[in-house]
Amino acid sequence: MEPVEVNAGGWYLRALRADERVDDRPALADSGIDDAEYVARRTAQWLSDEHYSWAICQPNTGELLAEVGLTPSGQSATLTGWARTGHHDALASGSDAVQRFAEGALRLTVHR
């Protein structure tokens, strides 16, 4: 599946990026994820339907505040995520939005 953007009210969810317009790698490194291939791996996982991942962003700046992931397995999926310090509210809202998307659009039973 191609990455899908999700509106979570006060937050904007999109695929992780590392390109000339947006680079999430500094925010990832700030959160302890310093793997240079992390964004590329997440992109490949979308395309292979192995794992879907969203950067939960501040809508005005696009700054990555948290990441929520959905790992499908048959008719169910596991929802996971992490947040940068002070942004657990973004993770909670983003996780709820992804769960609604997974249950409504993908018809998956979501486990947290």
C-alpha atoms as a PDB file:
ATOM      1  CA  MET A   1       0.000   0.000   0.000  1.00  0.00           C
ATOM      2  CA  GLU A   2       1.126   3.558  -0.664  1.00  0.00           C
ATOM      3  CA  PRO A   3       1.425   5.734   2.464  1.00  0.00           C
ATOM      4  CA  VAL A   4      -1.857   7.329   3.543  1.00  0.00           C
ATOM      5  CA  GLU A   5      -2.103  10.703   5.271  1.00  0.00           C
ATOM      6  CA  VAL A   6      -4.489  10.963   8.222  1.00  0.00           C
ATOM      7  CA  ASN A   7      -6.018  14.021   9.864  1.00  0.00           C
ATOM      8  CA  ALA A   8      -6.080  13.671  13.638  1.00  0.00           C
ATOM      9  CA  GLY A   9      -7.754  16.944  14.534  1.00  0.00           C
ATOM     10  CA  GLY A  10      -4.942  19.049  15.968  1.00  0.00           C
ATOM     11  CA  TRP A  11      -2.251  16.825  14.482  1.00  0.00           C
ATOM     12  CA  TYR A  12      -1.220  15.889  10.974  1.00  0.00           C
ATOM     13  CA  LEU A  13      -0.136  12.290  10.250  1.00  0.00           C
ATOM     14  CA  ARG A  14       2.048  11.459   7.267  1.00  0.00           C
ATOM     15  CA  ALA A  15       4.725   8.985   6.256  1.00  0.00           C
ATOM     16  CA  LEU A  16       8.200   9.574   7.613  1.00  0.00           C
ATOM     17  CA  ARG A  17      10.344  11.602   5.225  1.00  0.00           C
ATOM     18  CA  ALA A  18      13.986  12.370   4.498  1.00  0.00           C
ATOM     19  CA  ASP A  19      14.061  14.430   1.318  1.00  0.00           C
ATOM     20  CA  GLU A  20      14.841  17.941   0.099  1.00  0.00           C
ATOM     21  CA  ARG A  21      11.605  19.356   1.584  1.00  0.00           C
ATOM     22  CA  VAL A  22      11.219  17.510   4.890  1.00  0.00           C
ATOM     23  CA  ASP A  23      13.799  15.606   6.912  1.00  0.00           C
ATOM     24  CA  ASP A  24      12.583  13.748   9.988  1.00  0.00           C
ATOM     25  CA  ARG A  25      16.012  12.314  10.801  1.00  0.00           C
ATOM     26  CA  PRO A  26      17.041  15.078  13.261  1.00  0.00           C
ATOM     27  CA  ALA A  27      13.820  14.590  15.273  1.00  0.00           C
ATOM     28  CA  LEU A  28      14.313  10.824  15.146  1.00  0.00           C
ATOM     29  CA  ALA A  29      17.902  11.203  16.378  1.00  0.00           C
ATOM     30  CA  ASP A  30      16.671  13.512  19.148  1.00  0.00           C
ATOM     31  CA  SER A  31      14.411  10.620  20.184  1.00  0.00           C
ATOM     32  CA  GLY A  32      17.232   8.068  20.195  1.00  0.00           C
ATOM     33  CA  ILE A  33      16.647   6.628  16.705  1.00  0.00           C
ATOM     34  CA  ASP A  34      19.926   7.225  14.908  1.00  0.00           C
ATOM     35  CA  ASP A  35      19.668   4.492  12.272  1.00  0.00           C
ATOM     36  CA  ALA A  36      20.448   6.181   8.924  1.00  0.00           C
ATOM     37  CA  GLU A  37      18.159   3.723   7.084  1.00  0.00           C
ATOM     38  CA  TYR A  38      15.164   4.058   9.433  1.00  0.00           C
ATOM     39  CA  VAL A  39      13.069   6.252   7.124  1.00  0.00           C
ATOM     40  CA  ALA A  40      13.891   4.142   4.056  1.00  0.00           C
ATOM     41  CA  ARG A  41      12.994   0.961   5.957  1.00  0.00           C
ATOM     42  CA  ARG A  42       9.665   2.424   7.071  1.00  0.00           C
ATOM     43  CA  THR A  43       8.908   3.404   3.447  1.00  0.00           C
ATOM     44  CA  ALA A  44       9.711  -0.122   2.229  1.00  0.00           C
ATOM     45  CA  GLN A  45       7.494  -1.588   4.964  1.00  0.00           C
ATOM     46  CA  TRP A  46       4.546   0.481   3.706  1.00  0.00           C
ATOM     47  CA  LEU A  47       5.034  -0.812   0.178  1.00  0.00           C
ATOM     48  CA  SER A  48       5.302  -4.452   1.329  1.00  0.00           C
ATOM     49  CA  ASP A  49       2.312  -4.165   3.733  1.00  0.00           C
ATOM     50  CA  GLU A  50       4.592  -5.338   6.558  1.00  0.00           C
ATOM     51  CA  HIS A  51       4.157  -2.256   8.773  1.00  0.00           C
ATOM     52  CA  TYR A  52       2.453   1.117   8.351  1.00  0.00           C
ATOM     53  CA  SER A  53       4.032   4.068  10.119  1.00  0.00           C
ATOM     54  CA  TRP A  54       2.945   7.675  10.563  1.00  0.00           C
ATOM     55  CA  ALA A  55       4.885  10.700  11.719  1.00  0.00           C
ATOM     56  CA  ILE A  56       2.574  12.651  14.014  1.00  0.00           C
ATOM     57  CA  CYS A  57       3.368  16.244  13.207  1.00  0.00           C
ATOM     58  CA  GLN A  58       2.646  19.742  14.381  1.00  0.00           C
ATOM     59  CA  PRO A  59       0.404  20.973  11.528  1.00  0.00           C
ATOM     60  CA  ASN A  60       1.948  24.447  11.126  1.00  0.00           C
ATOM     61  CA  THR A  61       5.594  23.408  10.976  1.00  0.00           C
ATOM     62  CA  GLY A  62       5.451  19.718  10.039  1.00  0.00           C
ATOM     63  CA  GLU A  63       7.785  18.927  12.954  1.00  0.00           C
ATOM     64  CA  LEU A  64       7.754  15.245  13.963  1.00  0.00           C
ATOM     65  CA  LEU A  65       6.452  14.935  17.518  1.00  0.00           C
ATOM     66  CA  ALA A  66       5.696  11.214  17.683  1.00  0.00           C
ATOM     67  CA  GLU A  67       5.416   8.092  15.548  1.00  0.00           C
ATOM     68  CA  VAL A  68       2.566   5.599  15.502  1.00  0.00           C
ATOM     69  CA  GLY A  69       2.799   2.249  13.765  1.00  0.00           C
ATOM     70  CA  LEU A  70       0.387  -0.451  12.710  1.00  0.00           C
ATOM     71  CA  THR A  71       1.598  -4.005  12.075  1.00  0.00           C
ATOM     72  CA  PRO A  72      -1.043  -6.092  10.277  1.00  0.00           C
ATOM     73  CA  SER A  73      -1.386  -9.837  10.753  1.00  0.00           C
ATOM     74  CA  GLY A  74      -4.318 -11.446   8.982  1.00  0.00           C
ATOM     75  CA  GLN A  75      -7.502  -9.655  10.016  1.00  0.00           C
ATOM     76  CA  SER A  76      -5.919  -7.932  13.019  1.00  0.00           C
ATOM     77  CA  ALA A  77      -3.125  -5.456  13.667  1.00  0.00           C
ATOM     78  CA  THR A  78      -0.958  -4.285  16.539  1.00  0.00           C
ATOM     79  CA  LEU A  79      -0.742  -0.554  17.229  1.00  0.00           C
ATOM     80  CA  THR A  80       2.488   0.813  18.733  1.00  0.00           C
ATOM     81  CA  GLY A  81       4.073   4.214  19.092  1.00  0.00           C
ATOM     82  CA  TRP A  82       6.453   6.544  20.843  1.00  0.00           C
ATOM     83  CA  ALA A  83       6.538  10.279  21.494  1.00  0.00           C
ATOM     84  CA  ARG A  84       9.203  12.898  21.947  1.00  0.00           C
ATOM     85  CA  THR A  85       9.383  14.342  25.441  1.00  0.00           C
ATOM     86  CA  GLY A  86       6.311  16.426  26.192  1.00  0.00           C
ATOM     87  CA  HIS A  87       4.259  15.191  23.246  1.00  0.00           C
ATOM     88  CA  HIS A  88       2.320  12.227  24.603  1.00  0.00           C
ATOM     89  CA  ASP A  89      -0.936  14.052  23.826  1.00  0.00           C
ATOM     90  CA  ALA A  90      -0.013  13.995  20.123  1.00  0.00           C
ATOM     91  CA  LEU A  91       0.700  10.255  20.362  1.00  0.00           C
ATOM     92  CA  ALA A  92      -2.648   9.571  22.054  1.00  0.00           C
ATOM     93  CA  SER A  93      -4.631  11.537  19.452  1.00  0.00           C
ATOM     94  CA  GLY A  94      -2.637  10.111  16.552  1.00  0.00           C
ATOM     95  CA  SER A  95      -3.015   6.555  17.826  1.00  0.00           C
ATOM     96  CA  ASP A  96      -6.778   6.987  18.118  1.00  0.00           C
ATOM     97  CA  ALA A  97      -6.950   8.311  14.538  1.00  0.00           C
ATOM     98  CA  VAL A  98      -4.867   5.428  13.175  1.00  0.00           C
ATOM     99  CA  GLN A  99      -7.033   2.921  15.035  1.00  0.00           C
ATOM    100  CA  ARG A 100     -10.168   4.442  13.464  1.00  0.00           C
ATOM    101  CA  PHE A 101      -8.502   4.322  10.020  1.00  0.00           C
ATOM    102  CA  ALA A 102      -7.424   0.686  10.495  1.00  0.00           C
ATOM    103  CA  GLU A 103     -10.832  -0.438  11.700  1.00  0.00           C
ATOM    104  CA  GLY A 104     -12.860   1.581   9.193  1.00  0.00           C
ATOM    105  CA  ALA A 105     -10.811   1.598   5.999  1.00  0.00           C
ATOM    106  CA  LEU A 106      -8.736  -1.561   6.387  1.00  0.00           C
ATOM    107  CA  ARG A 107     -11.321  -3.595   8.349  1.00  0.00           C
ATOM    108  CA  LEU A 108      -8.715  -4.722  10.871  1.00  0.00           C
ATOM    109  CA  THR A 109      -9.210  -5.523  14.547  1.00  0.00           C
ATOM    110  CA  VAL A 110      -6.657  -3.385  16.372  1.00  0.00           C
ATOM    111  CA  HIS A 111      -4.767  -4.450  19.490  1.00  0.00           C
ATOM    112  CA  ARG A 112      -2.769  -1.974  21.553  1.00  0.00           C
END
